[in-house]
């Protein structure tokens, strides 16, 4: 049950645009490596948002 709650927590944060760094900090991880490895599929909205921002920055 605790595992499901943690995954739901990450999903809700990610869906609402919270940064990976902030999510890692809230999860008690020392860095983003563990957060990305364990919750990668749930971080997709954050990762896609970052990709869109980079596209806009480097748009030619």
N, C-alpha and C. Protein backbone atom coordinates (compact mmCIF):
# COMPACT_ATOMS: atom_id res chain seq x y z
N UNK A 1 0.81 -1.20 0.00
CA UNK A 1 0.00 0.00 0.00
C UNK A 1 0.86 1.27 0.00
N UNK A 2 1.91 1.28 0.80
CA UNK A 2 2.77 2.46 0.85
C UNK A 2 3.39 2.73 -0.51
N UNK A 3 3.80 1.67 -1.19
CA UNK A 3 4.39 1.82 -2.53
C UNK A 3 3.42 2.52 -3.48
N UNK A 4 2.17 2.09 -3.46
CA UNK A 4 1.16 2.69 -4.33
C UNK A 4 0.93 4.16 -4.00
N UNK A 5 0.95 4.50 -2.73
CA UNK A 5 0.78 5.89 -2.32
C UNK A 5 1.94 6.75 -2.81
N UNK A 6 3.15 6.22 -2.70
CA UNK A 6 4.32 6.97 -3.17
C UNK A 6 4.24 7.20 -4.68
N UNK A 7 3.85 6.16 -5.42
CA UNK A 7 3.73 6.30 -6.87
C UNK A 7 2.61 7.27 -7.24
N UNK A 8 1.51 7.24 -6.52
CA UNK A 8 0.42 8.19 -6.77
C UNK A 8 0.87 9.61 -6.48
N UNK A 9 1.61 9.79 -5.40
CA UNK A 9 2.14 11.10 -5.02
C UNK A 9 3.02 11.66 -6.14
N UNK A 10 3.93 10.83 -6.65
CA UNK A 10 4.81 11.27 -7.74
C UNK A 10 3.99 11.59 -8.99
N UNK A 11 3.02 10.77 -9.30
CA UNK A 11 2.18 11.01 -10.48
C UNK A 11 1.45 12.34 -10.38
N UNK A 12 0.87 12.62 -9.23
CA UNK A 12 0.14 13.87 -9.05
C UNK A 12 1.07 15.08 -9.18
N UNK A 13 2.24 15.00 -8.57
CA UNK A 13 3.20 16.10 -8.69
C UNK A 13 3.62 16.29 -10.13
N UNK A 14 3.95 15.20 -10.80
CA UNK A 14 4.41 15.25 -12.18
C UNK A 14 3.32 15.81 -13.10
N UNK A 15 2.10 15.33 -12.92
CA UNK A 15 0.99 15.79 -13.74
C UNK A 15 0.75 17.30 -13.61
N UNK A 16 1.19 17.84 -12.49
CA UNK A 16 0.98 19.27 -12.24
C UNK A 16 2.24 20.09 -12.44
N UNK A 17 3.23 19.50 -13.15
CA UNK A 17 4.40 20.25 -13.58
C UNK A 17 5.48 20.49 -12.55
N UNK A 18 5.46 19.77 -11.45
CA UNK A 18 6.51 19.92 -10.43
C UNK A 18 7.80 19.35 -11.00
N UNK A 19 8.90 20.05 -10.78
CA UNK A 19 10.19 19.63 -11.35
C UNK A 19 10.67 18.31 -10.75
N UNK A 20 11.47 17.61 -11.52
CA UNK A 20 12.04 16.34 -11.06
C UNK A 20 12.87 16.56 -9.80
N UNK A 21 13.59 17.66 -9.76
CA UNK A 21 14.42 17.96 -8.59
C UNK A 21 13.57 18.12 -7.33
N UNK A 22 12.45 18.82 -7.47
CA UNK A 22 11.55 19.01 -6.33
C UNK A 22 10.92 17.69 -5.90
N UNK A 23 10.53 16.88 -6.88
CA UNK A 23 9.95 15.58 -6.57
C UNK A 23 10.96 14.71 -5.83
N UNK A 24 12.20 14.69 -6.32
CA UNK A 24 13.25 13.90 -5.67
C UNK A 24 13.44 14.35 -4.23
N UNK A 25 13.46 15.65 -4.01
CA UNK A 25 13.63 16.19 -2.67
C UNK A 25 12.47 15.76 -1.76
N UNK A 26 11.25 15.87 -2.27
CA UNK A 26 10.08 15.48 -1.48
C UNK A 26 10.06 13.98 -1.18
N UNK A 27 10.62 13.18 -2.08
CA UNK A 27 10.66 11.74 -1.89
C UNK A 27 11.79 11.31 -0.96
N UNK A 28 12.66 12.26 -0.63
CA UNK A 28 13.77 11.95 0.26
C UNK A 28 14.97 11.36 -0.44
N UNK A 29 15.04 11.52 -1.76
CA UNK A 29 16.16 11.02 -2.54
C UNK A 29 17.29 12.05 -2.54
N UNK A 30 18.52 11.59 -2.51
CA UNK A 30 19.68 12.48 -2.48
C UNK A 30 19.85 13.25 -3.79
N UNK A 31 19.37 12.68 -4.88
CA UNK A 31 19.45 13.31 -6.19
C UNK A 31 18.33 12.79 -7.06
N UNK A 32 18.38 13.15 -8.35
CA UNK A 32 17.28 12.75 -9.23
C UNK A 32 17.47 11.36 -9.84
N UNK A 33 18.65 10.77 -9.70
CA UNK A 33 18.93 9.47 -10.33
C UNK A 33 17.94 8.39 -9.89
N UNK A 34 17.75 8.23 -8.60
CA UNK A 34 16.82 7.20 -8.10
C UNK A 34 15.40 7.55 -8.50
N UNK A 35 15.04 8.81 -8.38
CA UNK A 35 13.69 9.24 -8.75
C UNK A 35 13.40 8.90 -10.20
N UNK A 36 14.32 9.22 -11.09
CA UNK A 36 14.12 8.93 -12.51
C UNK A 36 14.06 7.43 -12.77
N UNK A 37 14.91 6.67 -12.10
CA UNK A 37 14.96 5.22 -12.34
C UNK A 37 13.69 4.53 -11.87
N UNK A 38 13.18 4.90 -10.70
CA UNK A 38 12.03 4.22 -10.11
C UNK A 38 10.71 4.74 -10.66
N UNK A 39 10.64 6.04 -10.92
CA UNK A 39 9.37 6.67 -11.28
C UNK A 39 9.35 7.22 -12.70
N UNK A 40 10.25 6.77 -13.55
CA UNK A 40 10.40 7.34 -14.90
C UNK A 40 9.08 7.42 -15.66
N UNK A 41 8.32 6.34 -15.66
CA UNK A 41 7.06 6.33 -16.41
C UNK A 41 6.05 7.34 -15.86
N UNK A 42 6.19 7.70 -14.59
CA UNK A 42 5.27 8.64 -13.99
C UNK A 42 5.76 10.09 -14.12
N UNK A 43 6.99 10.27 -14.57
CA UNK A 43 7.55 11.60 -14.74
C UNK A 43 7.39 12.12 -16.16
N UNK A 44 6.76 11.38 -17.00
CA UNK A 44 6.63 11.75 -18.41
C UNK A 44 6.11 13.18 -18.62
N UNK A 45 5.06 13.63 -17.93
CA UNK A 45 4.61 15.01 -18.16
C UNK A 45 5.69 16.05 -17.88
N UNK A 46 6.47 15.86 -16.83
CA UNK A 46 7.55 16.81 -16.51
C UNK A 46 8.62 16.76 -17.60
N UNK A 47 9.00 15.55 -18.02
CA UNK A 47 10.03 15.41 -19.03
C UNK A 47 9.58 15.99 -20.36
N UNK A 48 8.32 15.76 -20.73
CA UNK A 48 7.81 16.31 -21.98
C UNK A 48 7.74 17.84 -21.94
N UNK A 49 7.36 18.37 -20.79
CA UNK A 49 7.32 19.82 -20.63
C UNK A 49 8.70 20.43 -20.81
N UNK A 50 9.71 19.79 -20.27
CA UNK A 50 11.08 20.27 -20.44
C UNK A 50 11.51 20.19 -21.89
N UNK A 51 11.11 19.13 -22.58
CA UNK A 51 11.47 18.99 -24.00
C UNK A 51 10.81 20.09 -24.83
N UNK A 52 9.58 20.41 -24.54
CA UNK A 52 8.88 21.49 -25.26
C UNK A 52 9.58 22.82 -25.01
N UNK A 53 9.97 23.07 -23.77
CA UNK A 53 10.67 24.32 -23.45
C UNK A 53 11.98 24.41 -24.22
N UNK A 54 12.72 23.32 -24.31
CA UNK A 54 13.99 23.32 -25.05
C UNK A 54 13.73 23.57 -26.54
N UNK A 55 12.68 22.97 -27.08
CA UNK A 55 12.33 23.21 -28.48
C UNK A 55 12.06 24.70 -28.72
N UNK A 56 11.37 25.33 -27.80
CA UNK A 56 11.04 26.74 -27.94
C UNK A 56 12.30 27.62 -27.82
N UNK A 57 13.18 27.24 -26.93
CA UNK A 57 14.42 28.01 -26.73
C UNK A 57 15.29 27.96 -27.97
N UNK A 58 15.41 26.77 -28.55
CA UNK A 58 16.32 26.59 -29.69
C UNK A 58 15.60 26.57 -31.03
N UNK A 59 14.42 27.11 -31.06
CA UNK A 59 13.64 27.16 -32.30
C UNK A 59 14.37 28.03 -33.34
N UNK A 60 14.42 27.53 -34.55
CA UNK A 60 15.12 28.30 -35.60
C UNK A 60 14.14 28.80 -36.63
